Amino acid sequence: MNAVVTGAAGFIGSHLSEALYQAGHQVLGIDCFTDYYETSDKHRNIEALGGMDNFSLSTADLRSAELEPLLDGADVVFHQAGQPGVRASWSAGFADYVTHNILATQRLLEAARNVHCARFVFASSSSVYGDAVAYPSAETDLPRPCSPYGMTKLAAEHLCSLYAANFGLSTVSLRYFSVFGPRQRPDMAVRRLIDAAIQGEPFPLYGTGEQVRDFTFVRDVVAANLLAGTSDVPPGTVVNIASCTSTSLAGLVRLVRELAERPVATEHAPAQAGDPDRSGGAIETARRALGWAPEVSLRDGLIEQLDWSRQAVRPPHPPTPSGVKPQHPALG
């Protein structure tokens, strides 16, 4: 397989690139190394791939670069790139979300169509559900995003469906639910909580702490992508990728305290705009269409991420995205 992975130096993209490389596929990674968080973290993410014969890296910006030459000959495009995070998507930050999540996706879809790419796998988000009408949420439920970030992810999903319906481009959109694991972004809740435990610093707990999430381990998400790249599914397919477990933020704090064997102080503050009270995904479609099911429990995944965090060398305070005030960790 000739694969293109956008956002290849990011959290999920780097794991996916490694898995494709290890399976013997030819991989072109694309990453323009935006400064949402420290680019040094991203360079470390792909250190293991440096100099490998079947991996190459382009620093093209999907919003402006000529994309057809990059995609020419690709069997599958795994579109992981995008502007992440809910809280930074409000106000002046919105423009970056429109260009990175909507414009870039449309340009990539157009290029994939023109070079006759066999499959286009898009990294969507559970944020499209927002304050969902039912739990666990099914792909047939009406999306109700409650943040600009979620809205841009839903718009990109619709673009995938439009290119499937009008041009026959075989697209699969994977709705990720709160992905965690080694290399997680420094603004995300699990990483900040683990760092707080290791470094003896307080963890900011916004809202009641009873917000419920469906935490999904990164290796399971990679497995879902690999299946989505090759499974026989109709163009325009949308699939939840979730762990089918419900854990409150307060419960997550208790579990990390137990596993780290360290106290974690919490600092309480008001809830933040755009964070739904609950998210959780039904995975019957993933089982049926992809033959996928999660394999890593929250406990086992946290142990693996704790081990990674203890070995990683990072500054005491995780860097804040450029131009964004420190606030509530991203729950995903």
C-alpha atoms as a PDB file:
ATOM      1  CA  MET A   1       0.000   0.000   0.000  1.00  0.00           C
ATOM      2  CA  ASN A   2       1.100   3.535  -0.745  1.00  0.00           C
ATOM      3  CA  ALA A   3      -0.287   5.648   2.098  1.00  0.00           C
ATOM      4  CA  VAL A   4      -0.380   9.363   2.783  1.00  0.00           C
ATOM      5  CA  VAL A   5      -0.763  10.453   6.412  1.00  0.00           C
ATOM      6  CA  THR A   6      -1.522  14.119   7.066  1.00  0.00           C
ATOM      7  CA  GLY A   7      -0.654  15.409  10.523  1.00  0.00           C
ATOM      8  CA  ALA A   8       1.984  12.683  10.549  1.00  0.00           C
ATOM      9  CA  ALA A   9       4.008  14.266  13.361  1.00  0.00           C
ATOM     10  CA  GLY A  10       1.029  14.705  15.654  1.00  0.00           C
ATOM     11  CA  PHE A  11      -0.246  12.487  18.452  1.00  0.00           C
ATOM     12  CA  ILE A  12      -2.362  10.028  16.444  1.00  0.00           C
ATOM     13  CA  GLY A  13      -0.688  10.621  13.087  1.00  0.00           C
ATOM     14  CA  SER A  14       2.750   9.589  14.354  1.00  0.00           C
ATOM     15  CA  HIS A  15       1.417   6.343  15.830  1.00  0.00           C
ATOM     16  CA  LEU A  16      -0.439   5.607  12.586  1.00  0.00           C
ATOM     17  CA  SER A  17       2.640   6.358  10.470  1.00  0.00           C
ATOM     18  CA  GLU A  18       4.714   3.965  12.568  1.00  0.00           C
ATOM     19  CA  ALA A  19       2.102   1.213  12.304  1.00  0.00           C
ATOM     20  CA  LEU A  20       1.943   1.582   8.512  1.00  0.00           C
ATOM     21  CA  TYR A  21       5.726   1.592   8.270  1.00  0.00           C
ATOM     22  CA  GLN A  22       6.020  -1.497  10.478  1.00  0.00           C
ATOM     23  CA  ALA A  23       3.475  -3.293   8.295  1.00  0.00           C
ATOM     24  CA  GLY A  24       5.727  -2.711   5.284  1.00  0.00           C
ATOM     25  CA  HIS A  25       3.705   0.007   3.561  1.00  0.00           C
ATOM     26  CA  GLN A  26       5.176   2.998   1.763  1.00  0.00           C
ATOM     27  CA  VAL A  27       4.284   6.128   3.750  1.00  0.00           C
ATOM     28  CA  LEU A  28       4.373   9.801   2.880  1.00  0.00           C
ATOM     29  CA  GLY A  29       3.827  11.918   5.963  1.00  0.00           C
ATOM     30  CA  ILE A  30       2.634  15.499   5.604  1.00  0.00           C
ATOM     31  CA  ASP A  31       2.910  17.951   8.501  1.00  0.00           C
ATOM     32  CA  CYS A  32       3.437  21.721   8.428  1.00  0.00           C
ATOM     33  CA  PHE A  33       4.367  21.809  12.154  1.00  0.00           C
ATOM     34  CA  THR A  34       1.925  24.461  13.319  1.00  0.00           C
ATOM     35  CA  ASP A  35       2.661  26.084  16.682  1.00  0.00           C
ATOM     36  CA  TYR A  36      -0.530  25.012  18.491  1.00  0.00           C
ATOM     37  CA  TYR A  37       1.926  23.303  20.832  1.00  0.00           C
ATOM     38  CA  GLU A  38       5.713  22.949  20.860  1.00  0.00           C
ATOM     39  CA  THR A  39       6.986  21.758  17.481  1.00  0.00           C
ATOM     40  CA  SER A  40       9.851  20.020  19.305  1.00  0.00           C
ATOM     41  CA  ASP A  41       7.257  17.556  20.661  1.00  0.00           C
ATOM     42  CA  LYS A  42       6.182  16.776  17.102  1.00  0.00           C
ATOM     43  CA  HIS A  43       9.750  16.248  15.925  1.00  0.00           C
ATOM     44  CA  ARG A  44      10.263  13.793  18.789  1.00  0.00           C
ATOM     45  CA  ASN A  45       7.091  11.969  17.775  1.00  0.00           C
ATOM     46  CA  ILE A  46       8.574  10.944  14.438  1.00  0.00           C
ATOM     47  CA  GLU A  47      12.199  10.457  15.463  1.00  0.00           C
ATOM     48  CA  ALA A  48      11.903   6.709  14.998  1.00  0.00           C
ATOM     49  CA  LEU A  49      10.865   7.167  11.365  1.00  0.00           C
ATOM     50  CA  GLY A  50      13.787   9.381  10.397  1.00  0.00           C
ATOM     51  CA  GLY A  51      15.948   7.845   7.674  1.00  0.00           C
ATOM     52  CA  MET A  52      13.638   4.879   7.058  1.00  0.00           C
ATOM     53  CA  ASP A  53      13.492   3.795   3.423  1.00  0.00           C
ATOM     54  CA  ASN A  54       9.706   3.535   3.216  1.00  0.00           C
ATOM     55  CA  PHE A  55       8.870   6.776   5.047  1.00  0.00           C
ATOM     56  CA  SER A  56       9.270  10.306   3.733  1.00  0.00           C
ATOM     57  CA  LEU A  57       8.089  13.615   5.166  1.00  0.00           C
ATOM     58  CA  SER A  58       6.706  16.715   3.477  1.00  0.00           C
ATOM     59  CA  THR A  59       6.188  19.991   5.341  1.00  0.00           C
ATOM     60  CA  ALA A  60       3.547  21.186   2.855  1.00  0.00           C
ATOM     61  CA  ASP A  61       0.703  23.338   4.184  1.00  0.00           C
ATOM     62  CA  LEU A  62      -2.580  21.718   3.120  1.00  0.00           C
ATOM     63  CA  ARG A  63      -4.231  25.134   2.916  1.00  0.00           C
ATOM     64  CA  SER A  64      -2.002  26.420   0.114  1.00  0.00           C
ATOM     65  CA  ALA A  65       0.313  23.746  -1.302  1.00  0.00           C
ATOM     66  CA  GLU A  66      -0.165  21.979  -4.616  1.00  0.00           C
ATOM     67  CA  LEU A  67      -1.550  18.686  -3.342  1.00  0.00           C
ATOM     68  CA  GLU A  68      -2.057  16.492  -6.401  1.00  0.00           C
ATOM     69  CA  PRO A  69       1.663  15.728  -6.829  1.00  0.00           C
ATOM     70  CA  LEU A  70       1.807  14.652  -3.171  1.00  0.00           C
ATOM     71  CA  LEU A  71      -1.207  12.351  -3.490  1.00  0.00           C
ATOM     72  CA  ASP A  72      -0.405  10.958  -6.941  1.00  0.00           C
ATOM     73  CA  GLY A  73      -0.032   7.184  -6.652  1.00  0.00           C
ATOM     74  CA  ALA A  74      -1.512   7.002  -3.150  1.00  0.00           C
ATOM     75  CA  ASP A  75      -3.862   4.114  -2.424  1.00  0.00           C
ATOM     76  CA  VAL A  76      -5.132   5.572   0.854  1.00  0.00           C
ATOM     77  CA  VAL A  77      -5.079   9.049   2.363  1.00  0.00           C
ATOM     78  CA  PHE A  78      -5.345   9.102   6.155  1.00  0.00           C
ATOM     79  CA  HIS A  79      -6.331  12.693   6.926  1.00  0.00           C
ATOM     80  CA  GLN A  80      -5.330  13.225  10.555  1.00  0.00           C
ATOM     81  CA  ALA A  81      -4.277  16.880  10.281  1.00  0.00           C
ATOM     82  CA  GLY A  82      -6.422  19.630  11.745  1.00  0.00           C
ATOM     83  CA  GLN A  83      -6.654  22.378  14.312  1.00  0.00           C
ATOM     84  CA  PRO A  84      -7.508  20.644  17.615  1.00  0.00           C
ATOM     85  CA  GLY A  85      -9.128  21.818  20.832  1.00  0.00           C
ATOM     86  CA  VAL A  86     -12.523  23.209  21.795  1.00  0.00           C
ATOM     87  CA  ARG A  87     -11.783  26.333  23.815  1.00  0.00           C
ATOM     88  CA  ALA A  88      -9.353  27.949  21.378  1.00  0.00           C
ATOM     89  CA  SER A  89     -11.950  27.683  18.599  1.00  0.00           C
ATOM     90  CA  TRP A  90     -13.972  30.623  19.938  1.00  0.00           C
ATOM     91  CA  SER A  91     -13.454  34.308  19.062  1.00  0.00           C
ATOM     92  CA  ALA A  92     -10.355  35.206  17.044  1.00  0.00           C
ATOM     93  CA  GLY A  93      -9.175  31.597  16.977  1.00  0.00           C
ATOM     94  CA  PHE A  94     -12.103  30.558  14.773  1.00  0.00           C
ATOM     95  CA  ALA A  95     -10.370  31.541  11.513  1.00  0.00           C
ATOM     96  CA  ASP A  96      -7.647  28.925  12.041  1.00  0.00           C
ATOM     97  CA  TYR A  97     -10.275  26.234  12.584  1.00  0.00           C
ATOM     98  CA  VAL A  98     -12.063  27.149   9.361  1.00  0.00           C
ATOM     99  CA  THR A  99      -8.888  27.050   7.276  1.00  0.00           C
ATOM    100  CA  HIS A 100      -7.206  24.020   8.893  1.00  0.00           C
ATOM    101  CA  ASN A 101     -10.328  21.863   9.346  1.00  0.00           C
ATOM    102  CA  ILE A 102     -12.612  22.847   6.464  1.00  0.00           C
ATOM    103  CA  LEU A 103     -10.585  24.476   3.695  1.00  0.00           C
ATOM    104  CA  ALA A 104      -7.659  22.053   4.012  1.00  0.00           C
ATOM    105  CA  THR A 105     -10.026  19.068   3.979  1.00  0.00           C
ATOM    106  CA  GLN A 106     -11.827  20.312   0.853  1.00  0.00           C
ATOM    107  CA  ARG A 107      -8.533  20.849  -0.981  1.00  0.00           C
ATOM    108  CA  LEU A 108      -7.317  17.403   0.016  1.00  0.00           C
ATOM    109  CA  LEU A 109     -10.580  15.770  -1.098  1.00  0.00           C
ATOM    110  CA  GLU A 110     -10.360  17.556  -4.450  1.00  0.00           C
ATOM    111  CA  ALA A 111      -6.812  16.333  -4.958  1.00  0.00           C
ATOM    112  CA  ALA A 112      -7.743  12.779  -3.922  1.00  0.00           C
ATOM    113  CA  ARG A 113     -10.587  12.813  -6.438  1.00  0.00           C
ATOM    114  CA  ASN A 114      -8.376  14.063  -9.243  1.00  0.00           C
ATOM    115  CA  VAL A 115      -5.681  11.425  -8.717  1.00  0.00           C
ATOM    116  CA  HIS A 116      -8.278   8.630  -8.294  1.00  0.00           C
ATOM    117  CA  CYS A 117      -7.288   7.706  -4.747  1.00  0.00           C
ATOM    118  CA  ALA A 118      -8.930   4.437  -3.684  1.00  0.00           C
ATOM    119  CA  ARG A 119      -9.802   5.437  -0.097  1.00  0.00           C
ATOM    120  CA  PHE A 120      -9.912   8.620   1.979  1.00  0.00           C
ATOM    121  CA  VAL A 121     -10.046   8.149   5.762  1.00  0.00           C
ATOM    122  CA  PHE A 122     -10.940  11.279   7.723  1.00  0.00           C
ATOM    123  CA  ALA A 123     -10.246  11.845  11.421  1.00  0.00           C
ATOM    124  CA  SER A 124     -13.481  13.286  12.779  1.00  0.00           C
ATOM    125  CA  SER A 125     -14.458  13.757  16.411  1.00  0.00           C
ATOM    126  CA  SER A 126     -17.120  12.939  18.968  1.00  0.00           C
ATOM    127  CA  SER A 127     -17.404  16.731  19.301  1.00  0.00           C
ATOM    128  CA  VAL A 128     -19.835  16.624  16.363  1.00  0.00           C
ATOM    129  CA  TYR A 129     -22.436  15.191  18.779  1.00  0.00           C
ATOM    130  CA  GLY A 130     -22.098  18.007  21.314  1.00  0.00           C
ATOM    131  CA  ASP A 131     -24.898  17.683  23.848  1.00  0.00           C
ATOM    132  CA  ALA A 132     -26.097  14.469  22.250  1.00  0.00           C
ATOM    133  CA  VAL A 133     -29.716  13.398  22.034  1.00  0.00           C
ATOM    134  CA  ALA A 134     -28.899   9.882  23.329  1.00  0.00           C
ATOM    135  CA  TYR A 135     -26.121   7.877  25.005  1.00  0.00           C
ATOM    136  CA  PRO A 136     -24.325   6.010  23.745  1.00  0.00           C
ATOM    137  CA  SER A 137     -24.561   8.126  20.595  1.00  0.00           C
ATOM    138  CA  ALA A 138     -25.072   6.336  17.285  1.00  0.00           C
ATOM    139  CA  GLU A 139     -23.975   7.544  13.872  1.00  0.00           C
ATOM    140  CA  THR A 140     -27.624   8.005  12.896  1.00  0.00           C
ATOM    141  CA  ASP A 141     -28.276  10.446  15.771  1.00  0.00           C
ATOM    142  CA  LEU A 142     -28.590  14.115  14.884  1.00  0.00           C
ATOM    143  CA  PRO A 143     -25.249  15.886  15.438  1.00  0.00           C
ATOM    144  CA  ARG A 144     -25.509  18.914  17.727  1.00  0.00           C
ATOM    145  CA  PRO A 145     -22.004  20.393  18.087  1.00  0.00           C
ATOM    146  CA  CYS A 146     -21.720  22.906  20.922  1.00  0.00           C
ATOM    147  CA  SER A 147     -18.369  24.422  19.930  1.00  0.00           C
ATOM    148  CA  PRO A 148     -16.902  25.980  16.796  1.00  0.00           C
ATOM    149  CA  TYR A 149     -14.363  23.137  16.758  1.00  0.00           C
ATOM    150  CA  GLY A 150     -17.128  20.533  16.627  1.00  0.00           C
ATOM    151  CA  MET A 151     -18.891  22.508  13.923  1.00  0.00           C
ATOM    152  CA  THR A 152     -15.790  22.546  11.709  1.00  0.00           C
ATOM    153  CA  LYS A 153     -15.302  18.801  12.155  1.00  0.00           C
ATOM    154  CA  LEU A 154     -18.923  18.191  11.174  1.00  0.00           C
ATOM    155  CA  ALA A 155     -18.522  20.455   8.127  1.00  0.00           C
ATOM    156  CA  ALA A 156     -15.463  18.453   7.053  1.00  0.00           C
ATOM    157  CA  GLU A 157     -17.455  15.226   7.502  1.00  0.00           C
ATOM    158  CA  HIS A 158     -20.167  16.629   5.247  1.00  0.00           C
ATOM    159  CA  LEU A 159     -17.541  17.472   2.645  1.00  0.00           C
ATOM    160  CA  CYS A 160     -16.393  13.847   2.705  1.00  0.00           C
ATOM    161  CA  SER A 161     -19.985  12.699   2.201  1.00  0.00           C
ATOM    162  CA  LEU A 162     -20.483  15.179  -0.661  1.00  0.00           C
ATOM    163  CA  TYR A 163     -17.389  13.975  -2.515  1.00  0.00           C
ATOM    164  CA  ALA A 164     -18.550  10.396  -1.990  1.00  0.00           C
ATOM    165  CA  ALA A 165     -22.072  11.080  -3.277  1.00  0.00           C
ATOM    166  CA  ASN A 166     -21.140  13.292  -6.220  1.00  0.00           C
ATOM    167  CA  PHE A 167     -17.828  11.868  -7.408  1.00  0.00           C
ATOM    168  CA  GLY A 168     -17.725   8.339  -5.989  1.00  0.00           C
ATOM    169  CA  LEU A 169     -14.696   9.067  -3.811  1.00  0.00           C
ATOM    170  CA  SER A 170     -14.537   6.299  -1.221  1.00  0.00           C
ATOM    171  CA  THR A 171     -14.495   8.183   2.084  1.00  0.00           C
ATOM    172  CA  VAL A 172     -14.700   6.903   5.653  1.00  0.00           C
ATOM    173  CA  SER A 173     -15.080   9.346   8.558  1.00  0.00           C
ATOM    174  CA  LEU A 174     -14.007   8.046  11.967  1.00  0.00           C
ATOM    175  CA  ARG A 175     -15.504   9.843  14.962  1.00  0.00           C
ATOM    176  CA  TYR A 176     -12.856   9.552  17.684  1.00  0.00           C
ATOM    177  CA  PHE A 177     -13.921   9.615  21.325  1.00  0.00           C
ATOM    178  CA  SER A 178     -11.381  11.195  23.740  1.00  0.00           C
ATOM    179  CA  VAL A 179      -8.190   9.555  22.505  1.00  0.00           C
ATOM    180  CA  PHE A 180      -5.374   9.152  25.037  1.00  0.00           C
ATOM    181  CA  GLY A 181      -1.989   7.439  25.234  1.00  0.00           C
ATOM    182  CA  PRO A 182       1.731   8.150  24.823  1.00  0.00           C
ATOM    183  CA  ARG A 183       2.549  11.359  22.890  1.00  0.00           C
ATOM    184  CA  GLN A 184      -0.808  12.906  23.780  1.00  0.00           C
ATOM    185  CA  ARG A 185      -0.974  16.660  23.206  1.00  0.00           C
ATOM    186  CA  PRO A 186       0.184  18.736  26.196  1.00  0.00           C
ATOM    187  CA  ASP A 187      -3.179  20.535  26.535  1.00  0.00           C
ATOM    188  CA  MET A 188      -5.248  17.350  26.875  1.00  0.00           C
ATOM    189  CA  ALA A 189      -6.741  16.267  30.183  1.00  0.00           C
ATOM    190  CA  VAL A 190      -5.149  12.852  30.629  1.00  0.00           C
ATOM    191  CA  ARG A 191      -1.643  14.102  29.915  1.00  0.00           C
ATOM    192  CA  ARG A 192      -2.022  17.157  32.141  1.00  0.00           C
ATOM    193  CA  LEU A 193      -3.443  15.001  34.921  1.00  0.00           C
ATOM    194  CA  ILE A 194      -0.585  12.515  34.675  1.00  0.00           C
ATOM    195  CA  ASP A 195       1.956  15.325  34.542  1.00  0.00           C
ATOM    196  CA  ALA A 196       0.353  16.874  37.629  1.00  0.00           C
ATOM    197  CA  ALA A 197       0.701  13.569  39.475  1.00  0.00           C
ATOM    198  CA  ILE A 198       4.321  13.098  38.463  1.00  0.00           C
ATOM    199  CA  GLN A 199       5.395  16.689  39.094  1.00  0.00           C
ATOM    200  CA  GLY A 200       3.365  17.240  42.266  1.00  0.00           C
ATOM    201  CA  GLU A 201       1.375  20.124  40.806  1.00  0.00           C
ATOM    202  CA  PRO A 202      -2.374  20.845  41.076  1.00  0.00           C
ATOM    203  CA  PHE A 203      -4.702  19.751  38.305  1.00  0.00           C
ATOM    204  CA  PRO A 204      -7.322  22.298  37.140  1.00  0.00           C
ATOM    205  CA  LEU A 205     -10.754  20.718  37.553  1.00  0.00           C
ATOM    206  CA  TYR A 206     -13.355  22.800  35.752  1.00  0.00           C
ATOM    207  CA  GLY A 207     -17.049  22.340  36.375  1.00  0.00           C
ATOM    208  CA  THR A 208     -18.374  19.698  38.744  1.00  0.00           C
ATOM    209  CA  GLY A 209     -15.902  17.005  37.740  1.00  0.00           C
ATOM    210  CA  GLU A 210     -18.847  14.788  36.833  1.00  0.00           C
ATOM    211  CA  GLN A 211     -18.414  15.339  33.077  1.00  0.00           C
ATOM    212  CA  VAL A 212     -18.395  11.865  31.513  1.00  0.00           C
ATOM    213  CA  ARG A 213     -16.112  10.802  28.681  1.00  0.00           C
ATOM    214  CA  ASP A 214     -15.477   7.654  26.651  1.00  0.00           C
ATOM    215  CA  PHE A 215     -11.663   7.448  26.762  1.00  0.00           C
ATOM    216  CA  THR A 216     -10.201   5.476  23.833  1.00  0.00           C
ATOM    217  CA  PHE A 217      -6.591   4.302  23.647  1.00  0.00           C
ATOM    218  CA  VAL A 218      -4.490   5.471  20.713  1.00  0.00           C
ATOM    219  CA  ARG A 219      -3.473   1.956  19.614  1.00  0.00           C
ATOM    220  CA  ASP A 220      -7.133   1.044  19.202  1.00  0.00           C
ATOM    221  CA  VAL A 221      -7.657   4.189  17.124  1.00  0.00           C
ATOM    222  CA  VAL A 222      -4.720   3.238  14.887  1.00  0.00           C
ATOM    223  CA  ALA A 223      -6.194  -0.228  14.408  1.00  0.00           C
ATOM    224  CA  ALA A 224      -9.498   1.347  13.365  1.00  0.00           C
ATOM    225  CA  ASN A 225      -7.710   3.488  10.780  1.00  0.00           C
ATOM    226  CA  LEU A 226      -5.905   0.504   9.287  1.00  0.00           C
ATOM    227  CA  LEU A 227      -9.200  -1.357   8.944  1.00  0.00           C
ATOM    228  CA  ALA A 228     -10.945   1.710   7.524  1.00  0.00           C
ATOM    229  CA  GLY A 229      -8.244   1.952   4.870  1.00  0.00           C
ATOM    230  CA  THR A 230      -8.988  -1.477   3.428  1.00  0.00           C
ATOM    231  CA  SER A 231     -12.473  -2.614   4.492  1.00  0.00           C
ATOM    232  CA  ASP A 232     -15.240  -3.001   1.922  1.00  0.00           C
ATOM    233  CA  VAL A 233     -17.599  -0.229   2.994  1.00  0.00           C
ATOM    234  CA  PRO A 234     -19.869   2.145   1.036  1.00  0.00           C
ATOM    235  CA  PRO A 235     -18.484   5.576   0.115  1.00  0.00           C
ATOM    236  CA  GLY A 236     -19.410   8.178   2.713  1.00  0.00           C
ATOM    237  CA  THR A 237     -19.384   5.765   5.668  1.00  0.00           C
ATOM    238  CA  VAL A 238     -19.287   7.334   9.153  1.00  0.00           C
ATOM    239  CA  VAL A 239     -18.096   5.256  12.121  1.00  0.00           C
ATOM    240  CA  ASN A 240     -17.779   5.852  15.870  1.00  0.00           C
ATOM    241  CA  ILE A 241     -14.451   4.807  17.401  1.00  0.00           C
ATOM    242  CA  ALA A 242     -15.049   4.556  21.146  1.00  0.00           C
ATOM    243  CA  SER A 243     -14.117   2.364  24.087  1.00  0.00           C
ATOM    244  CA  CYS A 244     -17.699   1.812  25.298  1.00  0.00           C
ATOM    245  CA  THR A 245     -16.758   2.779  28.857  1.00  0.00           C
ATOM    246  CA  SER A 246     -18.041   5.805  30.749  1.00  0.00           C
ATOM    247  CA  THR A 247     -15.703   7.575  33.150  1.00  0.00           C
ATOM    248  CA  SER A 248     -16.217  10.883  34.921  1.00  0.00           C
ATOM    249  CA  LEU A 249     -13.377  13.367  35.157  1.00  0.00           C
ATOM    250  CA  ALA A 250     -13.436  12.977  38.933  1.00  0.00           C
ATOM    251  CA  GLY A 251     -13.204   9.206  38.484  1.00  0.00           C
ATOM    252  CA  LEU A 252     -10.255   9.676  36.147  1.00  0.00           C
ATOM    253  CA  VAL A 253      -8.482  11.751  38.808  1.00  0.00           C
ATOM    254  CA  ARG A 254      -9.022   8.983  41.372  1.00  0.00           C
ATOM    255  CA  LEU A 255      -7.708   6.301  38.992  1.00  0.00           C
ATOM    256  CA  VAL A 256      -4.563   8.265  38.117  1.00  0.00           C
ATOM    257  CA  ARG A 257      -3.913   8.870  41.820  1.00  0.00           C
ATOM    258  CA  GLU A 258      -4.120   5.116  42.388  1.00  0.00           C
ATOM    259  CA  LEU A 259      -1.924   4.128  39.437  1.00  0.00           C
ATOM    260  CA  ALA A 260       0.681   6.853  39.994  1.00  0.00           C
ATOM    261  CA  GLU A 261       0.664   6.201  43.737  1.00  0.00           C
ATOM    262  CA  ARG A 262       0.866   9.948  44.177  1.00  0.00           C
ATOM    263  CA  PRO A 263      -1.591  12.533  45.519  1.00  0.00           C
ATOM    264  CA  VAL A 264      -3.096  14.891  42.975  1.00  0.00           C
ATOM    265  CA  ALA A 265      -4.450  18.183  44.239  1.00  0.00           C
ATOM    266  CA  THR A 266      -7.269  19.719  42.234  1.00  0.00           C
ATOM    267  CA  GLU A 267      -8.144  23.366  41.681  1.00  0.00           C
ATOM    268  CA  HIS A 268     -11.837  23.917  41.021  1.00  0.00           C
ATOM    269  CA  ALA A 269     -13.117  26.536  38.583  1.00  0.00           C
ATOM    270  CA  PRO A 270     -16.309  27.231  36.598  1.00  0.00           C
ATOM    271  CA  ALA A 271     -17.223  25.068  33.612  1.00  0.00           C
ATOM    272  CA  GLN A 272     -15.958  26.202  30.218  1.00  0.00           C
ATOM    273  CA  ALA A 273     -17.947  27.004  27.084  1.00  0.00           C
ATOM    274  CA  GLY A 274     -18.197  24.230  24.519  1.00  0.00           C
ATOM    275  CA  ASP A 275     -17.607  21.252  26.819  1.00  0.00           C
ATOM    276  CA  PRO A 276     -20.583  18.855  26.795  1.00  0.00           C
ATOM    277  CA  ASP A 277     -21.544  17.206  30.056  1.00  0.00           C
ATOM    278  CA  ARG A 278     -21.267  13.741  28.565  1.00  0.00           C
ATOM    279  CA  SER A 279     -20.024  11.846  25.526  1.00  0.00           C
ATOM    280  CA  GLY A 280     -20.102   8.168  24.670  1.00  0.00           C
ATOM    281  CA  GLY A 281     -20.256   6.228  21.434  1.00  0.00           C
ATOM    282  CA  ALA A 282     -22.096   3.134  20.238  1.00  0.00           C
ATOM    283  CA  ILE A 283     -19.774   0.912  18.180  1.00  0.00           C
ATOM    284  CA  GLU A 284     -22.139  -1.524  16.461  1.00  0.00           C
ATOM    285  CA  THR A 285     -21.269   0.060  13.095  1.00  0.00           C
ATOM    286  CA  ALA A 286     -17.536  -0.300  13.759  1.00  0.00           C
ATOM    287  CA  ARG A 287     -18.004  -3.981  14.639  1.00  0.00           C
ATOM    288  CA  ARG A 288     -20.148  -4.686  11.588  1.00  0.00           C
ATOM    289  CA  ALA A 289     -18.460  -2.536   8.929  1.00  0.00           C
ATOM    290  CA  LEU A 290     -14.817  -2.708   9.998  1.00  0.00           C
ATOM    291  CA  GLY A 291     -14.629  -5.748  12.253  1.00  0.00           C
ATOM    292  CA  TRP A 292     -13.221  -3.423  14.910  1.00  0.00           C
ATOM    293  CA  ALA A 293     -13.599  -3.402  18.678  1.00  0.00           C
ATOM    294  CA  PRO A 294     -11.485  -1.737  21.394  1.00  0.00           C
ATOM    295  CA  GLU A 295      -8.901  -3.944  23.091  1.00  0.00           C
ATOM    296  CA  VAL A 296      -7.103  -1.685  25.595  1.00  0.00           C
ATOM    297  CA  SER A 297      -8.832  -0.819  28.875  1.00  0.00           C
ATOM    298  CA  LEU A 298      -8.633   2.615  30.447  1.00  0.00           C
ATOM    299  CA  ARG A 299      -6.531   1.229  33.297  1.00  0.00           C
ATOM    300  CA  ASP A 300      -4.018  -0.524  31.012  1.00  0.00           C
ATOM    301  CA  GLY A 301      -3.803   2.481  28.713  1.00  0.00           C
ATOM    302  CA  LEU A 302      -3.164   4.832  31.631  1.00  0.00           C
ATOM    303  CA  ILE A 303      -0.385   2.570  32.897  1.00  0.00           C
ATOM    304  CA  GLU A 304       1.266   2.736  29.469  1.00  0.00           C
ATOM    305  CA  GLN A 305       0.892   6.509  29.296  1.00  0.00           C
ATOM    306  CA  LEU A 306       2.236   6.890  32.833  1.00  0.00           C
ATOM    307  CA  ASP A 307       5.337   4.898  31.868  1.00  0.00           C
ATOM    308  CA  TRP A 308       5.842   7.115  28.818  1.00  0.00           C
ATOM    309  CA  SER A 309       5.373  10.321  30.816  1.00  0.00           C
ATOM    310  CA  ARG A 310       7.879   9.233  33.450  1.00  0.00           C
ATOM    311  CA  GLN A 311      10.505   8.641  30.763  1.00  0.00           C
ATOM    312  CA  ALA A 312       9.792  11.749  28.707  1.00  0.00           C
ATOM    313  CA  VAL A 313      11.817  14.885  29.319  1.00  0.00           C
ATOM    314  CA  ARG A 314       9.504  17.895  29.231  1.00  0.00           C
ATOM    315  CA  PRO A 315       9.276  21.323  30.898  1.00  0.00           C
ATOM    316  CA  PRO A 316       7.484  21.443  34.301  1.00  0.00           C
ATOM    317  CA  HIS A 317       4.475  23.225  32.803  1.00  0.00           C
ATOM    318  CA  PRO A 318       3.155  21.850  29.494  1.00  0.00           C
ATOM    319  CA  PRO A 319       3.334  24.597  26.859  1.00  0.00           C
ATOM    320  CA  THR A 320       0.166  26.508  26.089  1.00  0.00           C
ATOM    321  CA  PRO A 321      -0.892  26.877  22.431  1.00  0.00           C
ATOM    322  CA  SER A 322       0.325  30.140  20.974  1.00  0.00           C
ATOM    323  CA  GLY A 323      -2.042  32.989  21.734  1.00  0.00           C
ATOM    324  CA  VAL A 324      -4.293  30.886  23.987  1.00  0.00           C
ATOM    325  CA  LYS A 325      -4.694  31.566  27.689  1.00  0.00           C
ATOM    326  CA  PRO A 326      -4.130  28.573  30.005  1.00  0.00           C
ATOM    327  CA  GLN A 327      -7.457  27.085  31.042  1.00  0.00           C
ATOM    328  CA  HIS A 328      -9.380  23.846  31.299  1.00  0.00           C
ATOM    329  CA  PRO A 329      -7.499  20.796  29.943  1.00  0.00           C
ATOM    330  CA  ALA A 330      -9.017  19.504  26.716  1.00  0.00           C
ATOM    331  CA  LEU A 331     -11.212  16.514  27.404  1.00  0.00           C
ATOM    332  CA  GLY A 332     -11.466  15.488  23.747  1.00  0.00           C
END
